[in-house]
Amino acid sequence: MKKSSVKVLSSRASAAPKIFAALILFIALFTAFSSVSVIYGNSSYMYDDAGFFTETTCSKIDGELARISAEGGVKIYVATSELNLYGVSYDDLGLYFLESHGLDPDDSLILLIITRQYGTTYYDMYTYGDAEKRLKNSEINTILDDDNVYYNIKNGSIVDGVTAFANLSSQYYNDDDSVPIAPVILIGLLVGVLAAAVTCGIIIAKYKMKLVPSNYPLEHYTKLSLRNSQDVYITSSVICTTISSSSGGSGSFRGRGSSHSGRHRGGHRGGR
């Protein structure tokens, strides 16, 4: 009995390393498969939902977007979509994409959605969060109409076109051409005070010049004597005007309604 129990224990002990090795191998394969799925299926920045591009193309785009997003401090996403498949308009397509992939429209992000209709490629730009305020409409048009963006995407050089789009978007996002308001106010006040001081100085100087006494003794050679004083009353008139008013007349009231023409937390900015 003692010998058999020793054999059982030794066999179990020898099987333990094999089980551990098999477990490590399984974890490694699962991790590798998950990484491939992330890169080619549902990556961090490239979402080829419509299946327009190859896995290699998606991988290259995802790498470029990850690099540019990290350097520019704003997330830049690219997605593909079939409008006829989802039945969503261009204006709502961006928000539909964010909701479908669990992304928050309050985050600062830039989105490019590529669509195809009857063999023609189109692309639309969406901005959300802080990117909505930083990117002006003129800058949006510059990005969308750039030759490296337009012709590359339209002609099928998708990697080059998307890379150019991301670089320009990041550049304009980080261009801060606004002037701090505090120095402007301070400089304006200083200029105003200086101008007022100069004006007051000129007026005071001229007034003092007029107060300088004359050397001619006018009071010794002239004399003023008032002999007569009279007030003449010419005429007066009073004009009365009757203003008619009525409280029972018919009237109309037009309220000033309000309409919200802007985008809620961002949205569609233009397409080509």
Protein backbone atom coordinates (compact mmCIF):
# COMPACT_ATOMS: atom_id res chain seq x y z
CA MET A 1 0.00 0.00 0.00
CA LYS A 2 2.75 2.42 0.81
CA LYS A 3 4.57 1.79 -2.49
CA SER A 4 1.45 2.30 -4.64
CA SER A 5 0.58 5.56 -2.90
CA VAL A 6 4.07 6.83 -3.55
CA LYS A 7 3.72 6.02 -7.27
CA VAL A 8 0.41 7.91 -7.48
CA LEU A 9 1.88 10.96 -5.82
CA SER A 10 4.92 10.92 -8.08
CA SER A 11 2.76 10.68 -11.22
CA ARG A 12 0.64 13.60 -10.11
CA ALA A 13 3.73 15.64 -9.36
CA SER A 14 5.14 14.96 -12.83
CA ALA A 15 1.82 15.98 -14.49
CA ALA A 16 1.66 19.34 -12.73
CA PRO A 17 4.38 21.03 -14.86
CA LYS A 18 2.69 19.80 -18.04
CA ILE A 19 -0.65 21.29 -16.99
CA PHE A 20 1.01 24.58 -16.07
CA ALA A 21 2.84 24.70 -19.41
CA ALA A 22 -0.38 23.99 -21.29
CA LEU A 23 -2.12 26.78 -19.37
CA ILE A 24 0.65 29.26 -20.22
CA LEU A 25 0.45 28.27 -23.89
CA PHE A 26 -3.31 28.75 -23.92
CA ILE A 27 -3.03 32.21 -22.37
CA ALA A 28 -0.36 33.21 -24.90
CA LEU A 29 -2.46 32.04 -27.86
CA PHE A 30 -5.55 33.78 -26.50
CA THR A 31 -3.68 37.03 -26.00
CA ALA A 32 -2.23 36.87 -29.52
CA PHE A 33 -5.64 36.16 -31.02
CA SER A 34 -7.18 39.03 -29.07
CA SER A 35 -4.46 41.40 -30.25
CA VAL A 36 -5.07 40.45 -33.87
CA SER A 37 -8.80 40.95 -33.37
CA VAL A 38 -8.24 44.39 -31.91
CA ILE A 39 -5.98 45.46 -34.76
CA TYR A 40 -7.99 44.07 -37.65
CA GLY A 41 -11.52 43.84 -36.39
CA ASN A 42 -12.33 46.65 -33.96
CA SER A 43 -9.20 48.67 -33.39
CA SER A 44 -8.68 51.68 -31.16
CA TYR A 45 -8.92 54.31 -33.91
CA MET A 46 -9.88 52.53 -37.13
CA TYR A 47 -13.35 50.96 -37.45
CA ASP A 48 -13.90 49.33 -40.81
CA ASP A 49 -17.53 48.45 -40.13
CA ALA A 50 -18.42 48.32 -43.83
CA GLY A 51 -15.42 46.13 -44.72
CA PHE A 52 -14.05 48.45 -47.39
CA PHE A 53 -10.36 47.81 -46.75
CA THR A 54 -7.97 44.96 -46.12
CA GLU A 55 -6.59 44.03 -42.71
CA THR A 56 -3.18 45.41 -43.67
CA THR A 57 -4.67 48.77 -44.63
CA CYS A 58 -6.68 48.98 -41.41
CA SER A 59 -3.59 48.14 -39.38
CA LYS A 60 -1.55 50.90 -41.05
CA ILE A 61 -4.31 53.46 -40.57
CA ASP A 62 -4.77 52.48 -36.94
CA GLY A 63 -1.06 52.90 -36.25
CA GLU A 64 -0.95 56.34 -37.85
CA LEU A 65 -4.05 57.52 -36.01
CA ALA A 66 -2.70 56.25 -32.68
CA ARG A 67 0.56 58.12 -33.19
CA ILE A 68 -1.01 61.39 -34.33
CA SER A 69 -3.65 61.28 -31.59
CA ALA A 70 -0.98 60.81 -28.92
CA GLU A 71 1.17 63.64 -30.29
CA GLY A 72 -1.71 66.08 -30.82
CA GLY A 73 -3.63 65.45 -27.63
CA VAL A 74 -6.92 64.78 -29.41
CA LYS A 75 -8.42 61.44 -30.43
CA ILE A 76 -8.89 61.04 -34.17
CA TYR A 77 -11.07 58.19 -35.39
CA VAL A 78 -11.77 56.86 -38.87
CA ALA A 79 -14.74 54.66 -39.69
CA THR A 80 -16.47 53.22 -42.72
CA SER A 81 -20.21 52.99 -43.08
CA GLU A 82 -22.98 52.05 -45.46
CA LEU A 83 -25.70 54.69 -45.35
CA ASN A 84 -28.24 52.45 -47.04
CA LEU A 85 -27.49 49.70 -44.56
CA TYR A 86 -28.20 51.77 -41.46
CA GLY A 87 -30.68 54.22 -42.91
CA VAL A 88 -28.98 57.11 -41.11
CA SER A 89 -28.47 60.60 -42.55
CA TYR A 90 -25.06 62.20 -42.84
CA ASP A 91 -25.84 64.58 -39.98
CA ASP A 92 -26.70 61.74 -37.58
CA LEU A 93 -24.13 59.24 -38.76
CA GLY A 94 -21.40 60.47 -36.42
CA LEU A 95 -23.51 60.20 -33.28
CA TYR A 96 -24.75 56.79 -34.42
CA PHE A 97 -21.16 55.61 -34.73
CA LEU A 98 -20.21 56.87 -31.27
CA GLU A 99 -23.20 55.21 -29.64
CA SER A 100 -22.59 51.96 -31.51
CA HIS A 101 -19.00 51.72 -30.28
CA GLY A 102 -19.46 53.04 -26.76
CA LEU A 103 -17.68 56.36 -27.33
CA ASP A 104 -18.68 59.50 -25.45
CA PRO A 105 -19.68 62.55 -27.56
CA ASP A 106 -18.59 64.79 -24.66
CA ASP A 107 -14.97 63.73 -25.20
CA SER A 108 -12.72 65.83 -27.38
CA LEU A 109 -12.46 63.83 -30.60
CA ILE A 110 -12.41 64.15 -34.37
CA LEU A 111 -14.15 61.61 -36.57
CA LEU A 112 -13.86 60.88 -40.28
CA ILE A 113 -16.49 58.58 -41.76
CA ILE A 114 -15.94 57.14 -45.25
CA THR A 115 -18.92 55.97 -47.27
CA ARG A 116 -19.46 54.60 -50.76
CA GLN A 117 -22.42 54.98 -53.07
CA TYR A 118 -22.56 53.59 -56.60
CA GLY A 119 -18.81 53.17 -56.67
CA THR A 120 -18.01 56.71 -55.50
CA THR A 121 -16.19 57.33 -52.23
CA TYR A 122 -17.36 60.11 -49.92
CA TYR A 123 -15.99 61.31 -46.61
CA ASP A 124 -17.51 63.40 -43.81
CA MET A 125 -15.93 65.09 -40.81
CA TYR A 126 -17.41 65.27 -37.31
CA THR A 127 -16.10 67.05 -34.22
CA TYR A 128 -17.11 66.66 -30.59
CA GLY A 129 -16.18 68.12 -27.23
CA ASP A 130 -13.36 70.63 -27.21
CA ALA A 131 -12.62 69.95 -30.88
CA GLU A 132 -16.01 71.45 -31.74
CA LYS A 133 -14.91 74.82 -30.34
CA ARG A 134 -11.29 74.79 -31.45
CA LEU A 135 -11.80 74.01 -35.13
CA LYS A 136 -13.32 76.88 -37.11
CA ASN A 137 -15.50 76.36 -40.16
CA SER A 138 -12.82 77.87 -42.39
CA GLU A 139 -10.28 75.41 -41.00
CA ILE A 140 -12.69 72.52 -41.55
CA ASN A 141 -13.01 73.46 -45.23
CA THR A 142 -9.24 73.74 -45.53
CA ILE A 143 -8.81 70.24 -44.14
CA LEU A 144 -11.51 68.67 -46.31
CA ASP A 145 -10.34 70.39 -49.50
CA ASP A 146 -6.64 69.74 -49.04
CA ASP A 147 -5.23 67.99 -52.12
CA ASN A 148 -3.51 65.29 -50.07
CA VAL A 149 -6.80 64.51 -48.36
CA TYR A 150 -9.26 64.88 -51.22
CA TYR A 151 -7.47 63.20 -54.10
CA ASN A 152 -5.94 60.39 -52.03
CA ILE A 153 -9.25 59.35 -50.48
CA LYS A 154 -11.19 59.77 -53.72
CA ASN A 155 -8.62 57.83 -55.75
CA GLY A 156 -8.18 54.97 -53.31
CA SER A 157 -4.91 55.93 -51.56
CA ILE A 158 -6.71 55.66 -48.27
CA VAL A 159 -3.69 55.43 -45.96
CA ASP A 160 -2.10 58.59 -47.35
CA GLY A 161 -5.41 60.43 -47.39
CA VAL A 162 -6.34 59.54 -43.83
CA THR A 163 -2.82 60.34 -42.59
CA ALA A 164 -2.98 63.79 -44.21
CA PHE A 165 -6.42 64.35 -42.70
CA ALA A 166 -5.25 63.41 -39.22
CA ASN A 167 -2.12 65.56 -39.43
CA LEU A 168 -4.06 68.64 -40.55
CA SER A 169 -6.79 68.11 -37.97
CA SER A 170 -4.24 67.82 -35.18
CA GLN A 171 -2.37 70.87 -36.44
CA TYR A 172 -5.42 73.13 -36.51
CA TYR A 173 -6.66 71.73 -33.21
CA ASN A 174 -3.45 72.82 -31.50
CA ASP A 175 -3.14 76.19 -33.27
CA ASP A 176 -4.16 78.73 -30.63
CA ASP A 177 -4.47 82.05 -32.42
CA SER A 178 -6.55 83.65 -29.72
CA VAL A 179 -5.02 86.59 -27.83
CA PRO A 180 -5.26 86.57 -24.01
CA ILE A 181 -7.88 89.12 -22.99
CA ALA A 182 -6.16 90.34 -19.79
CA PRO A 183 -3.09 91.88 -21.53
CA VAL A 184 -5.36 93.45 -24.14
CA ILE A 185 -7.50 95.12 -21.47
CA LEU A 186 -4.43 96.33 -19.56
CA ILE A 187 -2.81 97.81 -22.67
CA GLY A 188 -6.09 99.48 -23.61
CA LEU A 189 -6.40 101.07 -20.18
CA LEU A 190 -2.82 102.34 -20.25
CA VAL A 191 -3.26 103.86 -23.72
CA GLY A 192 -6.53 105.48 -22.65
CA VAL A 193 -5.02 106.98 -19.49
CA LEU A 194 -2.02 108.28 -21.43
CA ALA A 195 -4.23 109.89 -24.09
CA ALA A 196 -6.45 111.49 -21.44
CA ALA A 197 -3.42 112.86 -19.59
CA VAL A 198 -1.95 114.39 -22.75
CA THR A 199 -5.30 115.96 -23.68
CA CYS A 200 -5.78 117.43 -20.21
CA GLY A 201 -2.25 118.79 -20.23
CA ILE A 202 -2.79 120.58 -23.54
CA ILE A 203 -6.10 122.10 -22.38
CA ILE A 204 -4.63 123.33 -19.09
CA ALA A 205 -1.62 124.85 -20.86
CA LYS A 206 -3.82 126.78 -23.30
CA TYR A 207 -6.11 128.01 -20.50
CA LYS A 208 -3.15 129.35 -18.51
CA MET A 209 -1.90 131.22 -21.55
CA LYS A 210 -5.22 133.14 -21.72
CA LEU A 211 -4.97 134.12 -18.04
CA VAL A 212 -1.70 135.98 -18.47
CA PRO A 213 -2.40 139.69 -17.59
CA SER A 214 -1.98 142.33 -20.29
CA ASN A 215 0.65 145.05 -19.89
CA TYR A 216 -1.78 147.67 -21.23
CA PRO A 217 -3.55 149.54 -18.33
CA LEU A 218 -7.05 149.30 -19.76
CA GLU A 219 -8.81 150.46 -16.58
CA HIS A 220 -7.00 153.82 -16.66
CA TYR A 221 -8.05 154.74 -20.20
CA THR A 222 -11.61 153.34 -20.44
CA LYS A 223 -14.83 153.84 -18.53
CA LEU A 224 -18.11 151.92 -18.52
CA SER A 225 -21.34 153.60 -17.36
CA LEU A 226 -24.72 151.83 -17.71
CA ARG A 227 -27.41 154.50 -18.26
CA ASN A 228 -30.49 152.52 -19.33
CA SER A 229 -31.87 148.96 -18.80
CA GLN A 230 -35.09 147.61 -20.39
CA ASP A 231 -36.73 144.19 -20.94
CA VAL A 232 -38.98 143.84 -24.00
CA TYR A 233 -41.65 141.09 -23.93
CA ILE A 234 -42.45 140.13 -27.50
CA THR A 235 -45.01 137.28 -27.61
CA SER A 236 -45.81 133.79 -26.39
CA SER A 237 -47.73 130.79 -27.74
CA VAL A 238 -49.08 127.57 -26.31
CA ILE A 239 -49.63 124.51 -28.45
CA CYS A 240 -52.03 121.79 -27.27
CA THR A 241 -52.12 118.41 -28.95
CA THR A 242 -54.77 115.79 -28.23
CA ILE A 243 -53.53 112.23 -28.27
CA SER A 244 -56.26 109.71 -28.86
CA SER A 245 -56.00 106.31 -27.28
CA SER A 246 -58.20 103.28 -27.22
CA SER A 247 -58.03 100.26 -25.00
CA GLY A 248 -60.52 98.19 -26.93
CA GLY A 249 -58.82 98.14 -30.31
CA SER A 250 -57.71 94.94 -31.93
CA GLY A 251 -54.02 94.14 -32.02
CA SER A 252 -51.61 91.36 -32.64
CA PHE A 253 -48.66 89.96 -30.66
CA ARG A 254 -45.73 88.20 -32.19
CA GLY A 255 -43.57 86.35 -29.74
CA ARG A 256 -39.87 85.99 -30.32
CA GLY A 257 -39.38 82.29 -30.61
CA SER A 258 -36.06 80.56 -30.34
CA SER A 259 -34.58 77.93 -32.55
CA HIS A 260 -31.43 75.96 -31.95
CA SER A 261 -29.44 75.80 -35.15
CA GLY A 262 -26.19 74.63 -33.61
CA ARG A 263 -24.95 71.13 -32.96
CA HIS A 264 -25.60 69.37 -29.69
CA ARG A 265 -22.18 68.66 -28.22
CA GLY A 266 -20.74 68.66 -31.73
CA GLY A 267 -21.60 66.85 -34.90
CA HIS A 268 -21.32 67.06 -38.67
CA ARG A 269 -18.98 69.78 -39.93
CA GLY A 270 -18.83 69.04 -43.64
CA GLY A 271 -18.15 66.40 -46.24
CA ARG A 272 -16.83 65.82 -49.72
